[in-house]
Amino acid sequence: MFQQEVPAQDGVSAPITLYLTFISTVLSLRGDHVYKQPLVDAATQSVFCWNGEAWKIANERVSGNDTELVFGRFLQAVTGGAHQAIENFASVVASISGPFAFVFYDAAHGRVFFSRDCLGRRSLLRGLDEDGSLKICSLCDGSSSTHFQEVGFEGVYMIDLEKYQEPSIDSAEPYKIDILPWSSDPRPPAGHIKNPIPPMNMSVPGEQPPALKPETPFVKDLQSKLHQSLALRIEDVPNPPDYIQGQSAKIAVLFSGGLDCTLLARLAHNILPINEPIDLLNVAFENPRVAAAAAATSKPQNPSSSSPPSKPTSFYEACPDRITGRSAHAELQQTCPDRTWRFIAIDIPYTETLAHRDSVKRLMRPHNTEMDLSIACALYFASRGQGAISNPTPSPYTTTARVLLSGLGADELFAGYGRHGVAFTRGGFPGLIAEIQLDVSRLGQRNLGRDDRVLAHWGRETRFPYLDEEFVAWVLQAPVWEKCGFGLAEPQSEDGKRCLEGIDKEKMALRLVALRLGLSSVAREKKRAIQFGARTAKMEKGRTKGTDALS
């Protein structure tokens, strides 16, 4: 408990006393021991709560515990005068590369800073509780989705307690919150934070661009850049509890068998020791609506049966993501036979979905639509990591990995959605560029906070190699025709035509990286949304839409 006395306002005879309470829980994945949070500076009584991974600070790779290092940089920044402290603090935040959310109490100047990173990869919410107190937290308190909202990713928010205005019952914003905004300017103005993500390359080709091929320089560089991003996130992961050398996995992949996740798995093989297993988490759901449609086309069940029979394994094996997952797993085994690839088949009966639905809804708040629930359910059960492996017969298995890999971000950066093709058809390269720019600009404000809350529930941390700041910046600076195949010339040689047969224009550069790595079938996989691949969409009959609010 901390107190901050502020000067009395006109007409108030006594100063206002503010109480600041800091609570943290820690999943330790960096350094040689656990640093308990909140961190408190004995000299100034400043406080720090950190949820994130600082992969680099000032372009230097971080070794050891990043929480303690960031706290030390913040404390150093706020020494000295009040105005200079803000400028210094903004510079330190700009130097951090990695996903984060934090709350920092600068006791020397009576300020509370809180923020998410510029892409919004970690959850942070703010709102007023029933008593009118301001809460800044990773999760809603569960009482109502209307009490909290996602903290924006526009910059670092600041509450100056020295200028605090007494809360008013009639005020819609009783707490005065200032912002230090992100700036794309190479030399940001005072009070701004340099954004590591530059503006998108808006170039339009003067003539038809040449065909993309596996040996195209950009494709080769893309493989190298993605490798570097992934290495930062999977090297030196500490051993999980009860670790057994050669048996326990440190890394698992959220695995649909699609291009983005399989490419991460294949590159991880090049980075991790060969005796380290990699777990592939593949989820499939019993969807009553799909089951009813299947039953209508098959033989009728015993009319005397009063309850539907439990779904056989074959029902889950017919799930679209299970089919592609099995296929991609087989291709990984063929391409990298010396690696232990464990395919975890996570089958979720409808009764289990219903049993966990309230928990999922609480985790995803303040998001509250049918589509949110469909996606969140898939992520929730996938990250639990509890399913079965074939060894050779199915046996129960729960992954030991505490670090999960996600392919999120690839579709936005490399034009992977069907609407990108529509945008090109309607508006050519300018239309395509505008659609990609829209996707990238709203990454942080869409679903990353929701996904972080759901995925972290089981004590695992999800990492997003496609959303590394340096990687994103490099991709955005490349011309659009190097990233996808829209409007490109066809390969001239017959060999080239056969080599690229069946390669979609969406995410073509990534597909060619997959070809370079021996993943011929995966390179030709179609894009499919998780809620349809795992069959979590529209589980009940009715006319509900994905954008409909939940009751």
Protein backbone atom coordinates (compact mmCIF):
# COMPACT_ATOMS: atom_id res chain seq x y z
CA MET A 1 0.00 0.00 0.00
CA PHE A 2 1.39 3.40 -1.00
CA GLN A 3 0.13 6.89 -0.33
CA GLN A 4 0.55 10.09 -2.30
CA GLU A 5 -0.50 13.38 -0.75
CA VAL A 6 -1.27 16.10 -3.27
CA PRO A 7 -1.79 19.83 -2.77
CA ALA A 8 -5.28 20.82 -1.70
CA GLN A 9 -7.58 22.28 -4.34
CA ASP A 10 -9.44 25.55 -3.95
CA GLY A 11 -12.16 25.23 -1.38
CA VAL A 12 -10.74 22.00 0.06
CA SER A 13 -9.21 22.32 3.49
CA ALA A 14 -7.26 19.05 3.52
CA PRO A 15 -5.02 17.34 0.98
CA ILE A 16 -6.26 14.29 -0.90
CA THR A 17 -4.69 10.99 0.06
CA LEU A 18 -4.41 8.42 -2.72
CA TYR A 19 -3.84 4.74 -2.09
CA LEU A 20 -1.92 2.76 -4.68
CA THR A 21 -2.00 -1.03 -4.47
CA PHE A 22 0.29 -3.20 -6.61
CA ILE A 23 -0.20 -6.95 -7.13
CA SER A 24 1.68 -9.22 -9.55
CA THR A 25 2.04 -12.88 -10.42
CA VAL A 26 5.07 -14.20 -12.28
CA LEU A 27 5.78 -16.89 -14.87
CA SER A 28 9.58 -16.97 -14.81
CA LEU A 29 11.11 -17.75 -18.21
CA ARG A 30 14.26 -15.59 -18.12
CA GLY A 31 17.32 -15.48 -15.89
CA ASP A 32 18.68 -17.93 -13.32
CA HIS A 33 16.06 -17.42 -10.60
CA VAL A 34 12.61 -15.95 -9.97
CA TYR A 35 12.36 -12.20 -9.28
CA LYS A 36 9.30 -11.60 -7.14
CA GLN A 37 7.00 -8.83 -8.29
CA PRO A 38 6.14 -6.06 -7.76
CA LEU A 39 9.70 -4.77 -7.70
CA VAL A 40 10.19 -1.95 -5.18
CA ASP A 41 13.14 0.44 -5.10
CA ALA A 42 14.27 0.79 -1.51
CA ALA A 43 15.69 4.28 -2.02
CA THR A 44 12.71 5.97 -3.70
CA GLN A 45 9.84 3.52 -3.05
CA SER A 46 9.14 3.44 -6.79
CA VAL A 47 7.27 0.30 -7.91
CA PHE A 48 7.31 -1.80 -11.08
CA CYS A 49 4.91 -4.46 -12.43
CA TRP A 50 6.05 -6.07 -15.69
CA ASN A 51 4.42 -8.60 -17.99
CA GLY A 52 6.57 -9.08 -21.03
CA GLU A 53 9.81 -10.07 -22.69
CA ALA A 54 12.47 -7.48 -23.49
CA TRP A 55 14.40 -9.29 -26.19
CA LYS A 56 16.62 -6.29 -26.88
CA ILE A 57 17.24 -2.93 -25.22
CA ALA A 58 18.95 -0.26 -27.33
CA ASN A 59 19.61 -2.98 -29.97
CA GLU A 60 21.57 -5.07 -27.45
CA ARG A 61 20.30 -8.59 -26.81
CA VAL A 62 19.15 -9.01 -23.21
CA SER A 63 20.62 -11.85 -21.18
CA GLY A 64 19.42 -12.76 -17.73
CA ASN A 65 16.29 -11.36 -16.12
CA ASP A 66 14.71 -8.62 -18.23
CA THR A 67 12.34 -7.40 -15.49
CA GLU A 68 15.16 -6.25 -13.22
CA LEU A 69 17.04 -4.70 -16.14
CA VAL A 70 14.04 -2.68 -17.37
CA PHE A 71 13.25 -1.51 -13.83
CA GLY A 72 16.83 -0.29 -13.44
CA ARG A 73 16.62 1.64 -16.73
CA PHE A 74 13.31 3.23 -15.67
CA LEU A 75 14.72 4.28 -12.28
CA GLN A 76 17.78 5.79 -13.94
CA ALA A 77 15.58 7.66 -16.43
CA VAL A 78 13.44 9.42 -13.81
CA THR A 79 16.29 10.78 -11.72
CA GLY A 80 16.68 14.55 -11.94
CA GLY A 81 14.14 17.17 -12.93
CA ALA A 82 10.48 16.37 -13.53
CA HIS A 83 10.41 17.52 -17.17
CA GLN A 84 13.64 15.78 -18.15
CA ALA A 85 12.46 12.62 -16.41
CA ILE A 86 9.58 12.30 -18.87
CA GLU A 87 11.88 12.73 -21.86
CA ASN A 88 14.33 10.18 -20.51
CA PHE A 89 11.57 7.74 -19.69
CA ALA A 90 10.16 8.01 -23.22
CA SER A 91 13.61 7.22 -24.64
CA VAL A 92 13.96 4.08 -22.53
CA VAL A 93 10.52 2.79 -23.56
CA ALA A 94 11.42 3.39 -27.23
CA SER A 95 14.58 1.31 -26.80
CA ILE A 96 12.75 -1.84 -25.65
CA SER A 97 12.15 -4.50 -28.30
CA GLY A 98 9.64 -7.18 -27.37
CA PRO A 99 6.06 -7.71 -26.18
CA PHE A 100 5.21 -6.00 -22.91
CA ALA A 101 2.66 -4.43 -20.62
CA PHE A 102 3.74 -2.57 -17.50
CA VAL A 103 2.77 -0.28 -14.65
CA PHE A 104 5.53 1.92 -13.20
CA TYR A 105 5.10 4.18 -10.20
CA ASP A 106 7.68 6.98 -10.19
CA ALA A 107 7.53 7.89 -6.50
CA ALA A 108 10.06 10.71 -6.84
CA HIS A 109 7.74 12.74 -9.09
CA GLY A 110 4.37 11.29 -8.10
CA ARG A 111 3.55 9.73 -11.48
CA VAL A 112 2.05 6.45 -12.60
CA PHE A 113 3.01 5.24 -16.10
CA PHE A 114 1.32 2.31 -17.82
CA SER A 115 1.46 0.97 -21.35
CA ARG A 116 1.43 -1.89 -23.81
CA ASP A 117 4.01 -2.27 -26.57
CA CYS A 118 3.36 -0.58 -29.91
CA LEU A 119 1.75 -3.74 -31.34
CA GLY A 120 -0.32 -4.54 -28.25
CA ARG A 121 1.00 -8.09 -27.82
CA ARG A 122 0.33 -8.25 -24.08
CA SER A 123 -2.98 -7.73 -22.32
CA LEU A 124 -3.61 -4.59 -20.30
CA LEU A 125 -7.02 -3.26 -19.29
CA ARG A 126 -8.20 -0.21 -17.41
CA GLY A 127 -11.51 0.74 -15.89
CA LEU A 128 -13.39 1.75 -12.77
CA ASP A 129 -14.60 -0.77 -10.23
CA GLU A 130 -17.88 -0.62 -8.34
CA ASP A 131 -16.36 1.84 -5.84
CA GLY A 132 -15.10 4.20 -8.54
CA SER A 133 -11.45 3.22 -8.04
CA LEU A 134 -9.23 3.06 -11.09
CA LYS A 135 -7.89 -0.42 -11.90
CA ILE A 136 -5.11 -1.21 -14.37
CA CYS A 137 -4.91 -4.96 -14.78
CA SER A 138 -4.23 -7.90 -17.08
CA LEU A 139 -7.70 -9.43 -16.58
CA CYS A 140 -11.21 -8.12 -16.00
CA ASP A 141 -12.52 -8.69 -12.49
CA GLY A 142 -15.32 -10.75 -14.04
CA SER A 143 -18.18 -8.58 -12.84
CA SER A 144 -19.00 -6.87 -16.12
CA SER A 145 -17.47 -6.34 -19.52
CA THR A 146 -18.59 -2.70 -19.39
CA HIS A 147 -16.25 -1.80 -16.52
CA PHE A 148 -13.04 -2.29 -18.46
CA GLN A 149 -11.56 -1.48 -21.81
CA GLU A 150 -8.33 -2.46 -23.52
CA VAL A 151 -5.53 0.00 -22.86
CA GLY A 152 -4.78 1.53 -26.25
CA PHE A 153 -1.47 1.04 -27.99
CA GLU A 154 -1.13 4.70 -28.97
CA GLY A 155 1.68 5.32 -26.49
CA VAL A 156 2.51 5.41 -22.77
CA TYR A 157 -0.23 6.65 -20.46
CA MET A 158 0.62 8.82 -17.45
CA ILE A 159 -1.29 9.89 -14.35
CA ASP A 160 0.41 12.88 -12.73
CA LEU A 161 -0.64 12.61 -9.11
CA GLU A 162 0.62 16.11 -8.36
CA LYS A 163 -2.03 17.47 -10.72
CA TYR A 164 -4.71 15.05 -9.65
CA GLN A 165 -8.29 16.28 -9.83
CA GLU A 166 -10.64 15.04 -7.14
CA PRO A 167 -13.04 12.48 -8.67
CA SER A 168 -16.47 13.85 -9.49
CA ILE A 169 -19.58 11.70 -9.52
CA ASP A 170 -20.74 13.47 -12.68
CA SER A 171 -17.47 13.08 -14.53
CA ALA A 172 -17.20 10.41 -17.22
CA GLU A 173 -13.39 10.47 -16.88
CA PRO A 174 -12.68 11.17 -13.21
CA TYR A 175 -9.00 10.29 -13.52
CA LYS A 176 -6.90 12.67 -15.59
CA ILE A 177 -4.73 10.53 -17.89
CA ASP A 178 -2.14 12.04 -20.22
CA ILE A 179 -0.39 10.21 -23.05
CA LEU A 180 3.12 10.14 -24.47
CA PRO A 181 2.26 9.05 -28.03
CA TRP A 182 4.25 6.87 -30.40
CA SER A 183 5.79 8.83 -33.27
CA SER A 184 7.10 7.60 -36.63
CA ASP A 185 9.34 10.66 -36.88
CA PRO A 186 13.05 9.69 -36.78
CA ARG A 187 13.47 12.54 -34.28
CA PRO A 188 10.25 12.58 -32.27
CA PRO A 189 9.10 15.87 -30.78
CA ALA A 190 9.19 16.40 -27.04
CA GLY A 191 6.82 14.15 -25.13
CA HIS A 192 6.69 11.55 -27.93
CA ILE A 193 8.13 8.03 -28.16
CA LYS A 194 9.92 6.83 -31.26
CA ASN A 195 7.91 4.02 -32.87
CA PRO A 196 10.08 1.11 -34.06
CA ILE A 197 7.52 0.32 -36.77
CA PRO A 198 8.06 2.61 -39.79
CA PRO A 199 5.38 3.68 -42.28
CA MET A 200 4.59 1.12 -44.96
CA ASN A 201 6.28 1.24 -48.35
CA MET A 202 3.60 2.71 -50.62
CA SER A 203 5.51 2.19 -53.88
CA VAL A 204 3.55 1.12 -56.95
CA PRO A 205 5.47 -0.64 -59.76
CA GLY A 206 5.85 1.22 -63.04
CA GLU A 207 5.56 -2.02 -64.99
CA GLN A 208 4.65 -5.62 -64.28
CA PRO A 209 7.05 -6.94 -61.61
CA PRO A 210 9.04 -10.12 -62.28
CA ALA A 211 7.94 -13.48 -60.92
CA LEU A 212 8.84 -14.51 -57.41
CA LYS A 213 10.95 -17.67 -57.20
CA PRO A 214 12.56 -19.61 -54.34
CA GLU A 215 15.93 -18.12 -55.33
CA THR A 216 14.66 -14.51 -55.38
CA PRO A 217 16.88 -12.43 -53.02
CA PHE A 218 13.91 -11.22 -50.97
CA VAL A 219 12.74 -14.80 -50.38
CA LYS A 220 16.22 -15.83 -49.22
CA ASP A 221 16.44 -12.79 -46.94
CA LEU A 222 12.95 -13.52 -45.60
CA GLN A 223 14.01 -16.98 -44.50
CA SER A 224 17.04 -15.51 -42.72
CA LYS A 225 15.06 -12.73 -41.01
CA LEU A 226 12.36 -15.09 -39.79
CA HIS A 227 15.04 -17.47 -38.52
CA GLN A 228 16.59 -14.62 -36.50
CA SER A 229 13.25 -13.60 -35.01
CA LEU A 230 12.44 -17.17 -34.03
CA ALA A 231 15.89 -17.80 -32.52
CA LEU A 232 15.41 -14.88 -30.11
CA ARG A 233 12.26 -16.56 -28.82
CA ILE A 234 13.29 -20.20 -28.47
CA GLU A 235 16.98 -20.22 -27.59
CA ASP A 236 17.89 -20.62 -23.92
CA VAL A 237 14.38 -21.47 -22.74
CA PRO A 238 14.78 -22.82 -19.18
CA ASN A 239 13.88 -26.41 -18.39
CA PRO A 240 10.24 -26.88 -17.35
CA PRO A 241 9.44 -28.52 -14.00
CA ASP A 242 10.31 -32.24 -13.82
CA TYR A 243 12.30 -31.93 -17.04
CA ILE A 244 13.62 -35.17 -18.55
CA GLN A 245 16.40 -34.79 -21.11
CA GLY A 246 15.34 -36.02 -24.54
CA GLN A 247 11.72 -36.56 -23.49
CA SER A 248 10.31 -33.29 -22.18
CA ALA A 249 9.51 -30.55 -24.67
CA LYS A 250 10.39 -26.91 -23.96
CA ILE A 251 8.69 -25.57 -27.09
CA ALA A 252 5.25 -26.30 -28.52
CA VAL A 253 3.56 -24.92 -31.64
CA LEU A 254 -0.10 -23.93 -31.91
CA PHE A 255 -0.45 -26.21 -34.90
CA SER A 256 -3.24 -26.27 -37.48
CA GLY A 257 -0.99 -27.67 -40.19
CA GLY A 258 -1.21 -24.41 -42.10
CA LEU A 259 1.65 -22.53 -43.72
CA ASP A 260 2.47 -20.04 -40.96
CA CYS A 261 2.73 -22.41 -38.00
CA THR A 262 4.40 -25.26 -39.92
CA LEU A 263 7.04 -22.88 -41.21
CA LEU A 264 7.84 -21.91 -37.60
CA ALA A 265 8.08 -25.57 -36.63
CA ARG A 266 10.41 -26.32 -39.54
CA LEU A 267 12.68 -23.35 -38.74
CA ALA A 268 12.69 -24.29 -35.05
CA HIS A 269 14.25 -27.61 -36.14
CA ASN A 270 17.22 -25.66 -37.50
CA ILE A 271 17.68 -23.85 -34.17
CA LEU A 272 16.99 -26.30 -31.35
CA PRO A 273 19.26 -29.20 -30.32
CA ILE A 274 18.34 -32.33 -32.25
CA ASN A 275 17.53 -34.30 -29.08
CA GLU A 276 14.87 -31.79 -28.00
CA PRO A 277 11.30 -32.84 -28.93
CA ILE A 278 8.91 -30.30 -30.44
CA ASP A 279 5.22 -30.64 -29.55
CA LEU A 280 2.54 -29.80 -32.13
CA LEU A 281 -0.77 -28.83 -30.48
CA ASN A 282 -3.71 -29.58 -32.77
CA VAL A 283 -7.26 -29.00 -31.52
CA ALA A 284 -10.55 -30.36 -32.89
CA PHE A 285 -14.04 -29.80 -31.49
CA GLU A 286 -17.28 -31.70 -31.45
CA ASN A 287 -19.66 -29.28 -33.12
CA PRO A 288 -23.30 -30.40 -32.66
CA ARG A 289 -24.42 -28.50 -35.74
CA VAL A 290 -21.82 -30.26 -37.91
CA ALA A 291 -22.57 -33.59 -36.24
CA ALA A 292 -26.29 -33.20 -36.90
CA ALA A 293 -25.65 -32.47 -40.56
CA ALA A 294 -23.41 -35.53 -40.82
CA ALA A 295 -25.98 -37.72 -39.08
CA ALA A 296 -28.68 -36.61 -41.49
CA THR A 297 -26.72 -38.04 -44.40
CA SER A 298 -25.84 -41.32 -42.68
CA LYS A 299 -27.82 -44.21 -41.26
CA PRO A 300 -30.29 -43.25 -38.51
CA GLN A 301 -29.28 -44.04 -34.95
CA ASN A 302 -31.16 -46.49 -32.72
CA PRO A 303 -34.50 -44.74 -32.12
CA SER A 304 -34.67 -46.13 -28.57
CA SER A 305 -31.51 -44.27 -27.59
CA SER A 306 -32.40 -41.19 -25.52
CA SER A 307 -28.98 -39.50 -25.62
CA PRO A 308 -26.55 -38.91 -28.48
CA PRO A 309 -23.61 -41.31 -28.52
CA SER A 310 -20.15 -39.97 -27.78
CA LYS A 311 -18.31 -38.99 -30.89
CA PRO A 312 -15.77 -41.55 -32.14
CA THR A 313 -12.19 -40.57 -32.84
CA SER A 314 -12.96 -40.55 -36.56
CA PHE A 315 -15.30 -37.59 -36.00
CA TYR A 316 -12.41 -35.45 -34.77
CA GLU A 317 -10.09 -36.83 -37.41
CA ALA A 318 -12.46 -35.43 -40.06
CA CYS A 319 -11.99 -31.91 -38.66
CA PRO A 320 -10.30 -29.70 -41.32
CA ASP A 321 -7.41 -28.65 -39.06
CA ARG A 322 -6.85 -32.25 -37.98
CA ILE A 323 -6.54 -33.33 -41.61
CA THR A 324 -4.05 -30.59 -42.49
CA GLY A 325 -2.28 -31.06 -39.16
CA ARG A 326 -1.70 -34.77 -39.78
CA SER A 327 -0.49 -34.04 -43.31
CA ALA A 328 1.93 -31.31 -42.20
CA HIS A 329 3.19 -33.50 -39.35
CA ALA A 330 3.98 -36.25 -41.84
CA GLU A 331 5.85 -33.80 -44.06
CA LEU A 332 7.89 -32.55 -41.10
CA GLN A 333 8.78 -36.14 -40.21
CA GLN A 334 9.82 -36.81 -43.78
CA THR A 335 11.84 -33.59 -44.09
CA CYS A 336 13.45 -33.75 -40.64
CA PRO A 337 13.44 -37.46 -39.67
CA ASP A 338 15.98 -37.09 -36.83
CA ARG A 339 13.68 -34.84 -34.79
CA THR A 340 11.01 -36.12 -32.42
CA TRP A 341 7.83 -34.41 -33.60
CA ARG A 342 4.99 -35.11 -31.17
CA PHE A 343 1.55 -34.53 -32.65
CA ILE A 344 -0.88 -33.92 -29.76
CA ALA A 345 -4.44 -34.57 -30.88
CA ILE A 346 -6.63 -32.44 -28.61
CA ASP A 347 -10.23 -33.65 -28.95
CA ILE A 348 -12.85 -31.49 -27.19
CA PRO A 349 -16.34 -32.93 -26.69
CA TYR A 350 -19.23 -30.48 -26.73
CA THR A 351 -19.92 -31.15 -23.05
CA GLU A 352 -16.40 -30.00 -22.19
CA THR A 353 -16.80 -26.85 -24.27
CA LEU A 354 -19.95 -26.02 -22.31
CA ALA A 355 -18.25 -26.74 -18.98
CA HIS A 356 -15.45 -24.24 -19.72
CA ARG A 357 -17.46 -21.64 -21.63
CA ASP A 358 -17.95 -19.24 -18.71
CA SER A 359 -14.22 -19.33 -17.95
CA VAL A 360 -13.40 -18.54 -21.56
CA LYS A 361 -15.90 -15.66 -21.63
CA ARG A 362 -14.36 -14.21 -18.46
CA LEU A 363 -10.84 -14.43 -19.90
CA MET A 364 -11.68 -12.79 -23.21
CA ARG A 365 -13.57 -9.81 -21.68
CA PRO A 366 -14.13 -7.03 -22.56
CA HIS A 367 -14.41 -8.75 -25.99
CA ASN A 368 -17.92 -10.13 -26.16
CA THR A 369 -19.01 -11.46 -29.56
CA GLU A 370 -19.77 -14.90 -30.97
CA MET A 371 -16.61 -14.77 -33.09
CA ASP A 372 -14.51 -13.83 -30.04
CA LEU A 373 -15.86 -16.89 -28.24
CA SER A 374 -15.24 -19.20 -31.21
CA ILE A 375 -11.61 -18.16 -31.53
CA ALA A 376 -10.98 -17.97 -27.79
CA CYS A 377 -12.29 -21.52 -27.22
CA ALA A 378 -9.85 -22.90 -29.78
CA LEU A 379 -6.90 -21.06 -28.22
CA TYR A 380 -7.96 -21.93 -24.66
CA PHE A 381 -8.00 -25.69 -25.19
CA ALA A 382 -4.98 -25.69 -27.50
CA SER A 383 -2.85 -23.88 -24.91
CA ARG A 384 -3.97 -26.31 -22.21
CA GLY A 385 -1.99 -28.83 -24.24
CA GLN A 386 -3.88 -31.86 -22.98
CA GLY A 387 -4.65 -34.54 -25.55
CA ALA A 388 -3.31 -37.80 -26.91
CA ILE A 389 -0.29 -38.97 -28.87
CA SER A 390 0.06 -42.11 -30.99
CA ASN A 391 2.89 -44.20 -29.63
CA PRO A 392 1.88 -46.17 -31.71
CA THR A 393 -1.54 -46.50 -30.08
CA PRO A 394 -3.20 -43.37 -28.65
CA SER A 395 -2.18 -42.55 -25.08
CA PRO A 396 -2.95 -39.49 -22.91
CA TYR A 397 -0.36 -36.73 -23.00
CA THR A 398 -0.02 -33.17 -21.72
CA THR A 399 2.77 -31.01 -23.09
CA THR A 400 5.50 -29.90 -20.71
CA ALA A 401 6.28 -26.85 -22.85
CA ARG A 402 5.75 -23.45 -21.24
CA VAL A 403 6.60 -21.54 -24.44
CA LEU A 404 4.11 -21.70 -27.31
CA LEU A 405 4.70 -20.45 -30.85
CA SER A 406 1.98 -18.75 -32.88
CA GLY A 407 1.93 -17.81 -36.55
CA LEU A 408 -0.24 -14.76 -35.91
CA GLY A 409 0.71 -11.71 -37.98
CA ALA A 410 1.74 -13.49 -41.17
CA ASP A 411 -1.61 -12.94 -42.90
CA GLU A 412 -1.58 -9.21 -42.19
CA LEU A 413 2.01 -8.66 -43.32
CA PHE A 414 2.01 -10.85 -46.43
CA ALA A 415 -1.56 -10.41 -47.75
CA GLY A 416 -2.89 -13.77 -46.61
CA TYR A 417 -6.62 -13.09 -46.46
CA GLY A 418 -9.06 -13.57 -49.33
CA ARG A 419 -10.05 -9.91 -49.14
CA HIS A 420 -6.50 -8.96 -50.14
CA GLY A 421 -7.11 -10.59 -53.52
CA VAL A 422 -10.43 -8.76 -53.76
CA ALA A 423 -8.69 -5.48 -52.96
CA PHE A 424 -6.17 -6.07 -55.75
CA THR A 425 -8.88 -7.02 -58.25
CA ARG A 426 -10.82 -3.85 -57.48
CA GLY A 427 -8.01 -1.37 -56.95
CA GLY A 428 -4.77 -2.84 -58.27
CA PHE A 429 -1.59 -2.31 -56.27
CA PRO A 430 -2.88 0.88 -54.55
CA GLY A 431 -5.96 -1.01 -53.33
CA LEU A 432 -3.86 -3.93 -52.10
CA ILE A 433 -1.44 -1.63 -50.27
CA ALA A 434 -4.30 0.21 -48.58
CA GLU A 435 -5.81 -3.07 -47.36
CA ILE A 436 -2.50 -4.32 -45.93
CA GLN A 437 -1.85 -0.97 -44.30
CA LEU A 438 -5.27 -1.11 -42.64
CA ASP A 439 -4.56 -4.60 -41.29
CA VAL A 440 -1.17 -3.66 -39.87
CA SER A 441 -2.42 -0.40 -38.36
CA ARG A 442 -5.11 -2.14 -36.31
CA LEU A 443 -3.15 -5.20 -35.17
CA GLY A 444 -2.86 -3.96 -31.61
CA GLN A 445 -6.41 -2.77 -31.23
CA ARG A 446 -8.04 -5.95 -32.47
CA ASN A 447 -7.42 -9.28 -30.78
CA LEU A 448 -3.90 -9.61 -29.37
CA GLY A 449 -4.93 -8.61 -25.86
CA ARG A 450 -7.80 -11.09 -25.92
CA ASP A 451 -5.57 -13.88 -27.18
CA ASP A 452 -2.91 -13.15 -24.55
CA ARG A 453 -5.44 -13.41 -21.72
CA VAL A 454 -6.80 -16.72 -23.00
CA LEU A 455 -3.48 -18.34 -23.91
CA ALA A 456 -1.74 -17.39 -20.65
CA HIS A 457 -4.43 -19.00 -18.50
CA TRP A 458 -2.62 -22.34 -18.35
CA GLY A 459 0.72 -20.88 -17.24
CA ARG A 460 2.25 -20.81 -20.70
CA GLU A 461 3.62 -17.89 -22.69
CA THR A 462 2.84 -17.47 -26.38
CA ARG A 463 5.45 -15.89 -28.62
CA PHE A 464 4.85 -14.37 -32.06
CA PRO A 465 7.93 -14.48 -34.34
CA TYR A 466 6.07 -12.77 -37.21
CA LEU A 467 5.41 -9.78 -34.92
CA ASP A 468 9.00 -9.07 -33.94
CA GLU A 469 9.52 -5.31 -34.33
CA GLU A 470 12.60 -5.63 -36.52
CA PHE A 471 10.94 -8.27 -38.67
CA VAL A 472 7.75 -6.22 -39.07
CA ALA A 473 9.76 -3.10 -39.93
CA TRP A 474 11.79 -4.96 -42.53
CA VAL A 475 8.70 -6.49 -44.18
CA LEU A 476 6.82 -3.16 -44.24
CA GLN A 477 9.73 -1.40 -45.95
CA ALA A 478 9.77 -3.95 -48.80
CA PRO A 479 7.62 -3.26 -51.87
CA VAL A 480 4.34 -5.13 -51.84
CA TRP A 481 5.09 -7.17 -54.98
CA GLU A 482 7.95 -8.94 -53.19
CA LYS A 483 5.62 -10.26 -50.48
CA CYS A 484 2.74 -11.74 -52.46
CA GLY A 485 2.05 -12.85 -56.02
CA PHE A 486 -0.68 -10.46 -57.14
CA GLY A 487 0.07 -8.85 -60.49
CA LEU A 488 3.38 -10.63 -61.00
CA ALA A 489 4.69 -12.15 -64.21
CA GLU A 490 4.56 -15.93 -64.55
CA PRO A 491 7.85 -17.89 -64.39
CA GLN A 492 9.38 -18.12 -67.84
CA SER A 493 10.85 -21.62 -67.75
CA GLU A 494 8.82 -24.80 -67.88
CA ASP A 495 10.61 -26.05 -64.76
CA GLY A 496 9.66 -22.88 -62.96
CA LYS A 497 6.00 -23.31 -63.91
CA ARG A 498 5.92 -26.88 -62.61
CA CYS A 499 7.74 -25.87 -59.44
CA LEU A 500 5.20 -23.16 -58.61
CA GLU A 501 2.08 -24.99 -59.70
CA GLY A 502 -0.60 -24.70 -57.01
CA ILE A 503 1.19 -21.91 -55.13
CA ASP A 504 -1.38 -19.28 -54.16
CA LYS A 505 -0.69 -15.59 -54.61
CA GLU A 506 -1.55 -14.87 -50.97
CA LYS A 507 1.63 -14.96 -48.84
CA MET A 508 3.61 -16.16 -51.87
CA ALA A 509 6.98 -15.16 -50.39
CA LEU A 510 6.34 -17.29 -47.29
CA ARG A 511 5.16 -20.16 -49.48
CA LEU A 512 8.43 -20.02 -51.38
CA VAL A 513 10.37 -20.11 -48.09
CA ALA A 514 8.44 -23.28 -47.28
CA LEU A 515 9.48 -24.73 -50.65
CA ARG A 516 13.11 -23.87 -49.90
CA LEU A 517 12.79 -25.85 -46.66
CA GLY A 518 11.32 -28.92 -48.32
CA LEU A 519 7.67 -28.34 -47.37
CA SER A 520 6.10 -28.78 -50.78
CA SER A 521 2.59 -29.71 -49.59
CA VAL A 522 2.49 -27.12 -46.81
CA ALA A 523 3.50 -24.42 -49.32
CA ARG A 524 0.25 -25.13 -51.16
CA GLU A 525 -2.09 -25.09 -48.15
CA LYS A 526 -5.07 -22.76 -48.33
CA LYS A 527 -5.79 -20.13 -45.69
CA ARG A 528 -8.48 -21.17 -43.22
CA ALA A 529 -9.69 -19.28 -40.15
CA ILE A 530 -9.12 -21.07 -36.83
CA GLN A 531 -12.80 -21.11 -35.85
CA PHE A 532 -13.68 -23.01 -39.03
CA GLY A 533 -10.62 -25.26 -39.06
CA ALA A 534 -11.17 -26.37 -35.46
CA ARG A 535 -15.00 -26.28 -35.84
CA THR A 536 -15.70 -23.88 -32.97
CA ALA A 537 -17.81 -21.57 -35.14
CA LYS A 538 -21.62 -21.67 -34.79
CA MET A 539 -21.95 -24.66 -32.50
CA GLU A 540 -25.65 -24.15 -32.02
CA LYS A 541 -28.33 -23.86 -34.66
CA GLY A 542 -29.66 -20.39 -35.31
CA ARG A 543 -29.09 -17.23 -37.25
CA THR A 544 -26.33 -15.79 -35.08
CA LYS A 545 -23.49 -13.93 -36.74
CA GLY A 546 -19.91 -13.67 -35.63
CA THR A 547 -20.35 -10.01 -34.78
CA ASP A 548 -23.41 -10.63 -32.57
CA ALA A 549 -22.89 -9.81 -28.90
CA LEU A 550 -23.10 -12.63 -26.39
CA SER A 551 -25.97 -12.61 -23.93
